[in-house]
């Protein structure tokens, strides 16, 4: 399984910046794992992106821990990314997760880490064709 190359890092950075409407986000190679990238906001690492080469299709998994409860989730993400267009959307009958959208565009799913809903994890699947125009 080949690691991430500079072109993929650049495309993933463009994708993340566009997704969160924030041009200050940086994507760098994880120093400990060539199959992963770190997503930075300022000096802070806020998420990881890992390579998934299953079934011969190359894709990427964005994962970010969110240390707040459901009642402040949307406000936390809007402040963090300085993007008022981010919004939390219910997922029908599913009570343990919500969708994250940027305007009308679906970004990913936010799932509760515990039954109390005191922390969450945002997961975004990035497919190879999502990076084609980056």
N, C-alpha and C. Protein backbone atom coordinates (compact mmCIF):
# COMPACT_ATOMS: atom_id res chain seq x y z
N UNK A 1 0.85 -1.18 0.00
CA UNK A 1 0.00 0.00 0.00
C UNK A 1 0.89 1.24 0.00
N UNK A 2 0.89 2.03 -1.08
CA UNK A 2 1.75 3.22 -1.11
C UNK A 2 1.25 4.31 -0.16
N UNK A 3 2.20 5.06 0.39
CA UNK A 3 1.86 6.15 1.29
C UNK A 3 1.34 7.35 0.52
N UNK A 4 1.05 8.39 1.24
CA UNK A 4 0.58 9.64 0.65
C UNK A 4 1.73 10.35 -0.04
N UNK A 5 1.47 10.92 -1.21
CA UNK A 5 2.50 11.71 -1.88
C UNK A 5 2.15 13.19 -1.81
N UNK A 6 3.08 14.03 -2.25
CA UNK A 6 2.89 15.49 -2.15
C UNK A 6 1.66 15.97 -2.92
N UNK A 7 1.39 15.37 -4.07
CA UNK A 7 0.23 15.77 -4.86
C UNK A 7 -1.06 15.47 -4.10
N UNK A 8 -1.13 14.28 -3.49
CA UNK A 8 -2.33 13.94 -2.71
C UNK A 8 -2.48 14.86 -1.51
N UNK A 9 -1.38 15.17 -0.83
CA UNK A 9 -1.45 16.08 0.31
C UNK A 9 -1.98 17.44 -0.12
N UNK A 10 -1.49 17.94 -1.26
CA UNK A 10 -1.95 19.23 -1.76
C UNK A 10 -3.44 19.19 -2.09
N UNK A 11 -3.89 18.11 -2.74
CA UNK A 11 -5.30 17.97 -3.10
C UNK A 11 -6.18 17.80 -1.87
N UNK A 12 -5.71 17.03 -0.89
CA UNK A 12 -6.47 16.87 0.35
C UNK A 12 -6.57 18.20 1.09
N UNK A 13 -5.50 18.98 1.09
CA UNK A 13 -5.55 20.30 1.73
C UNK A 13 -6.58 21.19 1.04
N UNK A 14 -6.57 21.20 -0.29
CA UNK A 14 -7.56 22.01 -1.03
C UNK A 14 -8.98 21.53 -0.73
N UNK A 15 -9.18 20.22 -0.66
CA UNK A 15 -10.49 19.66 -0.36
C UNK A 15 -10.97 20.08 1.03
N UNK A 16 -10.09 19.96 2.03
CA UNK A 16 -10.45 20.31 3.41
C UNK A 16 -10.73 21.80 3.52
N UNK A 17 -9.90 22.63 2.89
CA UNK A 17 -10.12 24.08 2.93
C UNK A 17 -11.47 24.44 2.31
N UNK A 18 -11.79 23.83 1.19
CA UNK A 18 -13.07 24.10 0.52
C UNK A 18 -14.24 23.59 1.36
N UNK A 19 -14.10 22.38 1.90
CA UNK A 19 -15.18 21.77 2.68
C UNK A 19 -15.57 22.61 3.89
N UNK A 20 -14.56 23.15 4.57
CA UNK A 20 -14.82 23.92 5.79
C UNK A 20 -14.77 25.43 5.58
N UNK A 21 -14.65 25.86 4.33
CA UNK A 21 -14.59 27.30 4.02
C UNK A 21 -13.53 28.00 4.87
N UNK A 22 -12.35 27.38 4.97
CA UNK A 22 -11.28 27.95 5.78
C UNK A 22 -9.94 27.73 5.09
N UNK A 23 -9.36 28.81 4.59
CA UNK A 23 -8.11 28.75 3.84
C UNK A 23 -6.87 28.59 4.71
N UNK A 24 -7.03 28.62 6.04
CA UNK A 24 -5.86 28.49 6.91
C UNK A 24 -5.57 27.05 7.30
N UNK A 25 -6.45 26.12 6.96
CA UNK A 25 -6.21 24.71 7.28
C UNK A 25 -5.01 24.19 6.50
N UNK A 26 -4.19 23.37 7.16
CA UNK A 26 -3.02 22.77 6.52
C UNK A 26 -3.08 21.26 6.67
N UNK A 27 -2.66 20.56 5.64
CA UNK A 27 -2.57 19.09 5.67
C UNK A 27 -1.11 18.72 5.45
N UNK A 28 -0.55 17.99 6.41
CA UNK A 28 0.85 17.57 6.33
C UNK A 28 0.95 16.07 6.55
N UNK A 29 2.04 15.49 6.06
CA UNK A 29 2.28 14.07 6.27
C UNK A 29 2.47 13.80 7.75
N UNK A 30 1.86 12.74 8.25
CA UNK A 30 2.04 12.33 9.64
C UNK A 30 3.47 11.82 9.78
N UNK A 31 4.21 12.38 10.71
CA UNK A 31 5.62 12.03 10.89
C UNK A 31 5.83 10.56 11.27
N UNK A 32 4.82 9.94 11.89
CA UNK A 32 4.95 8.56 12.35
C UNK A 32 4.33 7.54 11.42
N UNK A 33 3.53 7.99 10.45
CA UNK A 33 2.78 7.04 9.62
C UNK A 33 2.62 7.59 8.20
N UNK A 34 3.29 6.98 7.23
CA UNK A 34 3.21 7.48 5.85
C UNK A 34 1.85 7.24 5.21
N UNK A 35 0.99 6.47 5.88
CA UNK A 35 -0.36 6.21 5.40
C UNK A 35 -1.36 7.22 5.96
N UNK A 36 -0.88 8.25 6.65
CA UNK A 36 -1.77 9.20 7.29
C UNK A 36 -1.27 10.63 7.13
N UNK A 37 -2.20 11.56 7.23
CA UNK A 37 -1.89 12.98 7.20
C UNK A 37 -2.50 13.64 8.43
N UNK A 38 -1.90 14.72 8.85
CA UNK A 38 -2.41 15.51 9.97
C UNK A 38 -3.06 16.77 9.41
N UNK A 39 -4.20 17.14 9.98
CA UNK A 39 -4.89 18.37 9.60
C UNK A 39 -4.68 19.37 10.72
N UNK A 40 -4.13 20.54 10.36
CA UNK A 40 -3.79 21.56 11.34
C UNK A 40 -4.63 22.82 11.14
N UNK A 41 -5.00 23.41 12.27
CA UNK A 41 -5.63 24.74 12.28
C UNK A 41 -4.74 25.56 13.19
N UNK A 42 -3.99 26.49 12.59
CA UNK A 42 -2.96 27.18 13.36
C UNK A 42 -1.90 26.18 13.77
N UNK A 43 -1.51 26.20 15.02
CA UNK A 43 -0.49 25.28 15.53
C UNK A 43 -1.08 23.95 15.99
N UNK A 44 -2.40 23.88 16.06
CA UNK A 44 -3.08 22.71 16.59
C UNK A 44 -3.39 21.66 15.54
N UNK A 45 -3.10 20.39 15.84
CA UNK A 45 -3.60 19.32 14.99
C UNK A 45 -5.02 19.03 15.43
N UNK A 46 -5.97 19.12 14.48
CA UNK A 46 -7.37 18.93 14.83
C UNK A 46 -7.97 17.65 14.28
N UNK A 47 -7.29 17.01 13.31
CA UNK A 47 -7.86 15.82 12.69
C UNK A 47 -6.77 15.01 12.01
N UNK A 48 -7.14 13.80 11.61
CA UNK A 48 -6.24 12.96 10.83
C UNK A 48 -6.97 12.49 9.58
N UNK A 49 -6.18 12.21 8.56
CA UNK A 49 -6.71 11.63 7.32
C UNK A 49 -5.88 10.38 7.05
N UNK A 50 -6.55 9.25 6.89
CA UNK A 50 -5.84 8.01 6.61
C UNK A 50 -6.22 7.49 5.22
N UNK A 51 -5.29 6.75 4.63
CA UNK A 51 -5.49 6.16 3.31
C UNK A 51 -6.25 4.86 3.45
N UNK A 52 -7.17 4.62 2.52
CA UNK A 52 -7.88 3.34 2.46
C UNK A 52 -7.78 2.84 1.02
N UNK A 53 -7.04 1.76 0.84
CA UNK A 53 -6.84 1.20 -0.50
C UNK A 53 -7.61 -0.10 -0.72
N UNK A 54 -8.62 -0.37 0.10
CA UNK A 54 -9.39 -1.61 -0.04
C UNK A 54 -10.04 -1.69 -1.41
N UNK A 55 -10.17 -2.90 -1.89
CA UNK A 55 -10.84 -3.18 -3.16
C UNK A 55 -10.20 -2.47 -4.35
N UNK A 56 -8.96 -2.02 -4.22
CA UNK A 56 -8.27 -1.38 -5.33
C UNK A 56 -8.68 0.06 -5.56
N UNK A 57 -9.65 0.57 -4.82
CA UNK A 57 -10.07 1.96 -4.94
C UNK A 57 -9.41 2.76 -3.82
N UNK A 58 -8.71 3.81 -4.19
CA UNK A 58 -8.03 4.65 -3.19
C UNK A 58 -9.00 5.70 -2.68
N UNK A 59 -9.17 5.75 -1.39
CA UNK A 59 -9.99 6.77 -0.76
C UNK A 59 -9.31 7.18 0.54
N UNK A 60 -9.90 8.15 1.22
CA UNK A 60 -9.30 8.70 2.42
C UNK A 60 -10.38 8.87 3.48
N UNK A 61 -10.00 8.70 4.73
CA UNK A 61 -10.94 8.85 5.84
C UNK A 61 -10.47 9.99 6.74
N UNK A 62 -11.29 11.03 6.80
CA UNK A 62 -11.04 12.19 7.67
C UNK A 62 -11.71 11.89 9.00
N UNK A 63 -10.98 12.08 10.11
CA UNK A 63 -11.57 11.85 11.43
C UNK A 63 -11.13 12.95 12.39
N UNK A 64 -12.12 13.50 13.08
CA UNK A 64 -11.86 14.60 14.02
C UNK A 64 -12.66 14.40 15.29
N UNK A 65 -12.00 14.41 16.42
CA UNK A 65 -12.67 14.33 17.72
C UNK A 65 -13.20 15.72 18.07
N UNK A 66 -14.43 15.76 18.59
CA UNK A 66 -15.06 17.04 18.96
C UNK A 66 -15.43 16.96 20.43
N UNK A 67 -14.75 17.74 21.28
CA UNK A 67 -14.90 17.59 22.74
C UNK A 67 -16.04 18.39 23.36
N UNK A 68 -17.18 18.46 22.69
CA UNK A 68 -18.30 19.22 23.23
C UNK A 68 -19.59 18.40 23.12
N UNK A 69 -20.61 18.84 23.85
CA UNK A 69 -21.91 18.18 23.81
C UNK A 69 -22.76 18.64 22.64
N UNK A 70 -23.83 17.91 22.39
CA UNK A 70 -24.73 18.15 21.24
C UNK A 70 -25.28 19.58 21.20
N UNK A 71 -25.59 20.13 22.36
CA UNK A 71 -26.24 21.45 22.40
C UNK A 71 -25.35 22.58 21.87
N UNK A 72 -24.05 22.39 21.84
CA UNK A 72 -23.15 23.45 21.36
C UNK A 72 -22.32 23.01 20.15
N UNK A 73 -22.63 21.86 19.59
CA UNK A 73 -21.86 21.29 18.49
C UNK A 73 -21.75 22.23 17.29
N UNK A 74 -22.88 22.72 16.80
CA UNK A 74 -22.87 23.59 15.62
C UNK A 74 -22.09 24.87 15.89
N UNK A 75 -22.33 25.50 17.03
CA UNK A 75 -21.63 26.73 17.37
C UNK A 75 -20.12 26.50 17.51
N UNK A 76 -19.74 25.39 18.12
CA UNK A 76 -18.32 25.05 18.28
C UNK A 76 -17.64 24.94 16.92
N UNK A 77 -18.25 24.20 16.00
CA UNK A 77 -17.65 24.01 14.67
C UNK A 77 -17.62 25.31 13.88
N UNK A 78 -18.67 26.11 13.97
CA UNK A 78 -18.67 27.41 13.27
C UNK A 78 -17.56 28.32 13.78
N UNK A 79 -17.38 28.35 15.10
CA UNK A 79 -16.31 29.18 15.68
C UNK A 79 -14.93 28.62 15.32
N UNK A 80 -14.76 27.30 15.44
CA UNK A 80 -13.48 26.68 15.16
C UNK A 80 -13.01 26.97 13.74
N UNK A 81 -13.89 26.78 12.77
CA UNK A 81 -13.52 26.96 11.37
C UNK A 81 -13.83 28.35 10.83
N UNK A 82 -14.42 29.22 11.67
CA UNK A 82 -14.81 30.57 11.26
C UNK A 82 -15.67 30.52 10.00
N UNK A 83 -16.68 29.63 10.04
CA UNK A 83 -17.56 29.41 8.89
C UNK A 83 -19.01 29.31 9.37
N UNK A 84 -19.77 30.40 9.19
CA UNK A 84 -21.17 30.41 9.60
C UNK A 84 -22.06 29.53 8.74
N UNK A 85 -21.53 29.00 7.65
CA UNK A 85 -22.33 28.17 6.75
C UNK A 85 -22.39 26.71 7.20
N UNK A 86 -21.59 26.33 8.20
CA UNK A 86 -21.63 24.97 8.71
C UNK A 86 -22.92 24.78 9.51
N UNK A 87 -23.60 23.65 9.26
CA UNK A 87 -24.82 23.39 10.04
C UNK A 87 -25.00 21.91 10.31
N UNK A 88 -25.58 21.66 11.46
CA UNK A 88 -25.89 20.31 11.91
C UNK A 88 -27.30 19.98 11.44
N UNK A 89 -27.48 18.78 10.87
CA UNK A 89 -28.77 18.34 10.35
C UNK A 89 -29.09 16.98 10.94
N UNK A 90 -30.31 16.81 11.43
CA UNK A 90 -30.74 15.53 11.99
C UNK A 90 -30.71 14.44 10.92
N UNK A 91 -30.55 13.19 11.36
CA UNK A 91 -30.49 12.05 10.45
C UNK A 91 -31.72 11.17 10.60
N UNK A 92 -32.89 11.73 10.45
CA UNK A 92 -34.12 10.94 10.55
C UNK A 92 -34.29 10.36 11.93
N UNK A 93 -34.41 9.05 12.02
CA UNK A 93 -34.64 8.38 13.30
C UNK A 93 -33.36 8.10 14.09
N UNK A 94 -32.22 8.37 13.50
CA UNK A 94 -30.95 8.11 14.20
C UNK A 94 -30.71 9.19 15.24
N UNK A 95 -30.60 8.77 16.49
CA UNK A 95 -30.44 9.72 17.58
C UNK A 95 -28.97 9.83 18.04
N UNK A 96 -28.12 8.89 17.60
CA UNK A 96 -26.74 8.88 18.07
C UNK A 96 -25.79 9.60 17.11
N UNK A 97 -26.35 10.18 16.04
CA UNK A 97 -25.49 10.87 15.08
C UNK A 97 -26.28 11.94 14.34
N UNK A 98 -25.54 12.88 13.75
CA UNK A 98 -26.11 13.96 12.94
C UNK A 98 -25.23 14.14 11.71
N UNK A 99 -25.73 14.85 10.73
CA UNK A 99 -24.94 15.18 9.55
C UNK A 99 -24.35 16.57 9.72
N UNK A 100 -23.19 16.78 9.11
CA UNK A 100 -22.59 18.11 9.03
C UNK A 100 -22.65 18.55 7.58
N UNK A 101 -23.23 19.70 7.35
CA UNK A 101 -23.31 20.27 6.01
C UNK A 101 -22.58 21.61 5.99
N UNK A 102 -22.10 21.99 4.81
CA UNK A 102 -21.61 23.35 4.57
C UNK A 102 -22.59 23.92 3.57
N UNK A 103 -23.50 24.76 4.06
CA UNK A 103 -24.62 25.19 3.23
C UNK A 103 -25.49 23.99 2.93
N UNK A 104 -25.70 23.71 1.67
CA UNK A 104 -26.50 22.54 1.28
C UNK A 104 -25.64 21.31 0.99
N UNK A 105 -24.31 21.47 1.03
CA UNK A 105 -23.41 20.37 0.70
C UNK A 105 -23.13 19.49 1.91
N UNK A 106 -23.40 18.19 1.77
CA UNK A 106 -23.12 17.22 2.82
C UNK A 106 -21.61 17.05 2.96
N UNK A 107 -21.12 17.10 4.21
CA UNK A 107 -19.69 16.89 4.46
C UNK A 107 -19.43 15.52 5.08
N UNK A 108 -20.17 15.19 6.14
CA UNK A 108 -19.91 13.94 6.83
C UNK A 108 -20.89 13.71 7.96
N UNK A 109 -20.58 12.68 8.74
CA UNK A 109 -21.44 12.27 9.86
C UNK A 109 -20.70 12.51 11.17
N UNK A 110 -21.42 13.05 12.13
CA UNK A 110 -20.89 13.26 13.48
C UNK A 110 -21.60 12.28 14.39
N UNK A 111 -20.83 11.38 15.02
CA UNK A 111 -21.40 10.34 15.88
C UNK A 111 -21.00 10.59 17.33
N UNK A 112 -21.92 10.26 18.24
CA UNK A 112 -21.64 10.38 19.68
C UNK A 112 -20.60 9.34 20.08
N UNK A 113 -19.64 9.75 20.90
CA UNK A 113 -18.62 8.83 21.41
C UNK A 113 -19.11 8.06 22.64
N UNK A 114 -20.13 8.59 23.30
CA UNK A 114 -20.64 7.94 24.51
C UNK A 114 -22.15 8.15 24.59
N UNK A 115 -22.80 7.41 25.46
CA UNK A 115 -24.26 7.46 25.58
C UNK A 115 -24.76 8.83 26.05
N UNK A 116 -23.94 9.55 26.81
CA UNK A 116 -24.34 10.87 27.31
C UNK A 116 -24.21 11.96 26.25
N UNK A 117 -23.51 11.68 25.16
CA UNK A 117 -23.31 12.69 24.12
C UNK A 117 -22.44 13.83 24.56
N UNK A 118 -21.39 13.52 25.33
CA UNK A 118 -20.52 14.60 25.82
C UNK A 118 -19.33 14.85 24.90
N UNK A 119 -19.11 13.95 23.94
CA UNK A 119 -18.09 14.18 22.91
C UNK A 119 -18.50 13.44 21.64
N UNK A 120 -17.95 13.89 20.53
CA UNK A 120 -18.36 13.37 19.23
C UNK A 120 -17.15 13.15 18.34
N UNK A 121 -17.36 12.42 17.24
CA UNK A 121 -16.34 12.24 16.22
C UNK A 121 -16.95 12.55 14.86
N UNK A 122 -16.30 13.43 14.12
CA UNK A 122 -16.71 13.76 12.76
C UNK A 122 -15.94 12.85 11.82
N UNK A 123 -16.66 12.19 10.91
CA UNK A 123 -16.03 11.33 9.91
C UNK A 123 -16.49 11.77 8.51
N UNK A 124 -15.51 11.96 7.64
CA UNK A 124 -15.78 12.35 6.25
C UNK A 124 -15.05 11.36 5.34
N UNK A 125 -15.79 10.76 4.44
CA UNK A 125 -15.18 9.87 3.44
C UNK A 125 -14.80 10.73 2.24
N UNK A 126 -13.53 10.67 1.85
CA UNK A 126 -13.03 11.43 0.71
C UNK A 126 -12.66 10.41 -0.37
N UNK A 127 -13.43 10.40 -1.44
CA UNK A 127 -13.19 9.45 -2.53
C UNK A 127 -12.23 10.06 -3.54
N UNK A 128 -11.58 9.21 -4.32
CA UNK A 128 -10.57 9.72 -5.26
C UNK A 128 -11.15 10.76 -6.21
N UNK A 129 -12.40 10.58 -6.65
CA UNK A 129 -12.97 11.57 -7.58
C UNK A 129 -13.30 12.89 -6.91
N UNK A 130 -13.40 12.91 -5.55
CA UNK A 130 -13.60 14.18 -4.84
C UNK A 130 -12.38 15.09 -4.99
N UNK A 131 -11.22 14.49 -5.29
CA UNK A 131 -9.98 15.25 -5.38
C UNK A 131 -9.62 15.62 -6.83
N UNK A 132 -10.39 15.17 -7.79
CA UNK A 132 -10.04 15.38 -9.20
C UNK A 132 -9.91 16.85 -9.59
N UNK A 133 -10.76 17.70 -9.09
CA UNK A 133 -10.72 19.12 -9.48
C UNK A 133 -9.95 19.99 -8.50
N UNK A 134 -9.21 19.36 -7.60
CA UNK A 134 -8.47 20.12 -6.59
C UNK A 134 -7.08 20.47 -7.10
